[in-house]
Amino acid sequence: MKTILIKDTTKEEREEIIRASLDCGAGGCENCSSCWLGGGSPWGIYQDYIDGKREISEINMKYMEEYRQDRQIL
């Protein structure tokens, strides 16, 4: 099975991975509350992954550090 790691994917595949993972079934990002709650644009957040600069796990870890800011979010 192929992984989602940058070394195992093309840019087009990474774009599709992000598109598929962000599809909550609500009809697109315009129906999502993440942006206006301070989460930021999901496309902006994962652009480094799409561009092959940072893995998803690195982006998620950094995002959680910045977003949580030592709050206990369960």
C-alpha atoms as a PDB file:
ATOM      1  CA  MET A   1       0.000   0.000   0.000  1.00  0.00           C
ATOM      2  CA  LYS A   2       1.248   3.444  -0.885  1.00  0.00           C
ATOM      3  CA  THR A   3       1.648   5.935   1.947  1.00  0.00           C
ATOM      4  CA  ILE A   4       0.674   9.597   2.091  1.00  0.00           C
ATOM      5  CA  LEU A   5       4.272  10.621   2.752  1.00  0.00           C
ATOM      6  CA  ILE A   6       5.714  13.256   0.455  1.00  0.00           C
ATOM      7  CA  LYS A   7       8.320  10.828  -0.903  1.00  0.00           C
ATOM      8  CA  ASP A   8       5.544   8.446  -1.992  1.00  0.00           C
ATOM      9  CA  THR A   9       3.186  10.956  -3.620  1.00  0.00           C
ATOM     10  CA  THR A  10       3.022  13.470  -6.423  1.00  0.00           C
ATOM     11  CA  LYS A  11       1.789  17.018  -5.914  1.00  0.00           C
ATOM     12  CA  GLU A  12      -1.473  16.105  -7.609  1.00  0.00           C
ATOM     13  CA  GLU A  13      -1.936  13.125  -5.276  1.00  0.00           C
ATOM     14  CA  ARG A  14      -1.230  15.323  -2.246  1.00  0.00           C
ATOM     15  CA  GLU A  15      -3.832  17.834  -3.411  1.00  0.00           C
ATOM     16  CA  GLU A  16      -6.365  15.011  -3.699  1.00  0.00           C
ATOM     17  CA  ILE A  17      -5.403  13.648  -0.250  1.00  0.00           C
ATOM     18  CA  ILE A  18      -6.074  17.051   1.303  1.00  0.00           C
ATOM     19  CA  ARG A  19      -9.266  17.582  -0.716  1.00  0.00           C
ATOM     20  CA  ALA A  20     -10.601  14.156   0.308  1.00  0.00           C
ATOM     21  CA  SER A  21      -9.639  14.568   3.955  1.00  0.00           C
ATOM     22  CA  LEU A  22     -11.335  17.972   4.183  1.00  0.00           C
ATOM     23  CA  ASP A  23     -14.574  16.756   2.618  1.00  0.00           C
ATOM     24  CA  CYS A  24     -16.932  16.539   5.557  1.00  0.00           C
ATOM     25  CA  GLY A  25     -19.954  16.238   3.293  1.00  0.00           C
ATOM     26  CA  ALA A  26     -21.208  19.740   4.086  1.00  0.00           C
ATOM     27  CA  GLY A  27     -20.699  20.910   0.528  1.00  0.00           C
ATOM     28  CA  GLY A  28     -17.286  22.496   0.752  1.00  0.00           C
ATOM     29  CA  CYS A  29     -15.198  24.709   2.972  1.00  0.00           C
ATOM     30  CA  GLU A  30     -17.639  27.604   2.715  1.00  0.00           C
ATOM     31  CA  ASN A  31     -19.908  25.711   5.130  1.00  0.00           C
ATOM     32  CA  CYS A  32     -17.158  25.068   7.656  1.00  0.00           C
ATOM     33  CA  SER A  33     -16.710  27.066  10.856  1.00  0.00           C
ATOM     34  CA  SER A  34     -12.995  26.355  11.229  1.00  0.00           C
ATOM     35  CA  CYS A  35     -11.854  29.516   9.457  1.00  0.00           C
ATOM     36  CA  TRP A  36     -13.942  31.993  11.403  1.00  0.00           C
ATOM     37  CA  LEU A  37     -13.146  30.246  14.686  1.00  0.00           C
ATOM     38  CA  GLY A  38      -9.474  31.019  14.166  1.00  0.00           C
ATOM     39  CA  GLY A  39      -8.419  27.761  12.582  1.00  0.00           C
ATOM     40  CA  GLY A  40      -7.407  29.403   9.350  1.00  0.00           C
ATOM     41  CA  SER A  41      -7.877  28.301   5.791  1.00  0.00           C
ATOM     42  CA  PRO A  42      -7.409  24.544   5.528  1.00  0.00           C
ATOM     43  CA  TRP A  43      -5.798  25.006   2.107  1.00  0.00           C
ATOM     44  CA  GLY A  44      -3.353  27.489   3.586  1.00  0.00           C
ATOM     45  CA  ILE A  45      -2.594  25.229   6.531  1.00  0.00           C
ATOM     46  CA  TYR A  46      -1.714  22.250   4.310  1.00  0.00           C
ATOM     47  CA  GLN A  47      -0.065  24.111   1.426  1.00  0.00           C
ATOM     48  CA  ASP A  48       3.422  23.094   2.631  1.00  0.00           C
ATOM     49  CA  TYR A  49       2.370  19.447   2.376  1.00  0.00           C
ATOM     50  CA  ILE A  50       0.930  19.939  -1.085  1.00  0.00           C
ATOM     51  CA  ASP A  51       4.156  21.671  -2.131  1.00  0.00           C
ATOM     52  CA  GLY A  52       6.267  18.841  -0.671  1.00  0.00           C
ATOM     53  CA  LYS A  53       7.885  20.906   2.091  1.00  0.00           C
ATOM     54  CA  ARG A  54       6.449  19.398   5.301  1.00  0.00           C
ATOM     55  CA  GLU A  55       4.605  16.194   6.154  1.00  0.00           C
ATOM     56  CA  ILE A  56       1.006  16.272   7.356  1.00  0.00           C
ATOM     57  CA  SER A  57       2.079  15.072  10.795  1.00  0.00           C
ATOM     58  CA  GLU A  58       4.491  18.009  11.165  1.00  0.00           C
ATOM     59  CA  ILE A  59       1.831  20.496  10.112  1.00  0.00           C
ATOM     60  CA  ASN A  60      -0.747  18.991  12.470  1.00  0.00           C
ATOM     61  CA  MET A  61       1.668  19.025  15.401  1.00  0.00           C
ATOM     62  CA  LYS A  62       2.620  22.676  14.831  1.00  0.00           C
ATOM     63  CA  TYR A  63      -1.018  23.675  14.317  1.00  0.00           C
ATOM     64  CA  MET A  64      -2.065  22.044  17.577  1.00  0.00           C
ATOM     65  CA  GLU A  65       0.775  23.742  19.457  1.00  0.00           C
ATOM     66  CA  GLU A  66      -0.236  27.153  18.131  1.00  0.00           C
ATOM     67  CA  TYR A  67      -4.009  26.695  18.237  1.00  0.00           C
ATOM     68  CA  ARG A  68      -4.279  25.058  21.643  1.00  0.00           C
ATOM     69  CA  GLN A  69      -1.921  27.516  23.356  1.00  0.00           C
ATOM     70  CA  ASP A  70      -1.809  25.318  26.484  1.00  0.00           C
ATOM     71  CA  ARG A  71      -5.614  25.062  26.677  1.00  0.00           C
ATOM     72  CA  GLN A  72      -7.000  21.667  27.601  1.00  0.00           C
ATOM     73  CA  ILE A  73      -9.013  20.852  24.484  1.00  0.00           C
ATOM     74  CA  LEU A  74     -10.426  17.353  24.471  1.00  0.00           C
END
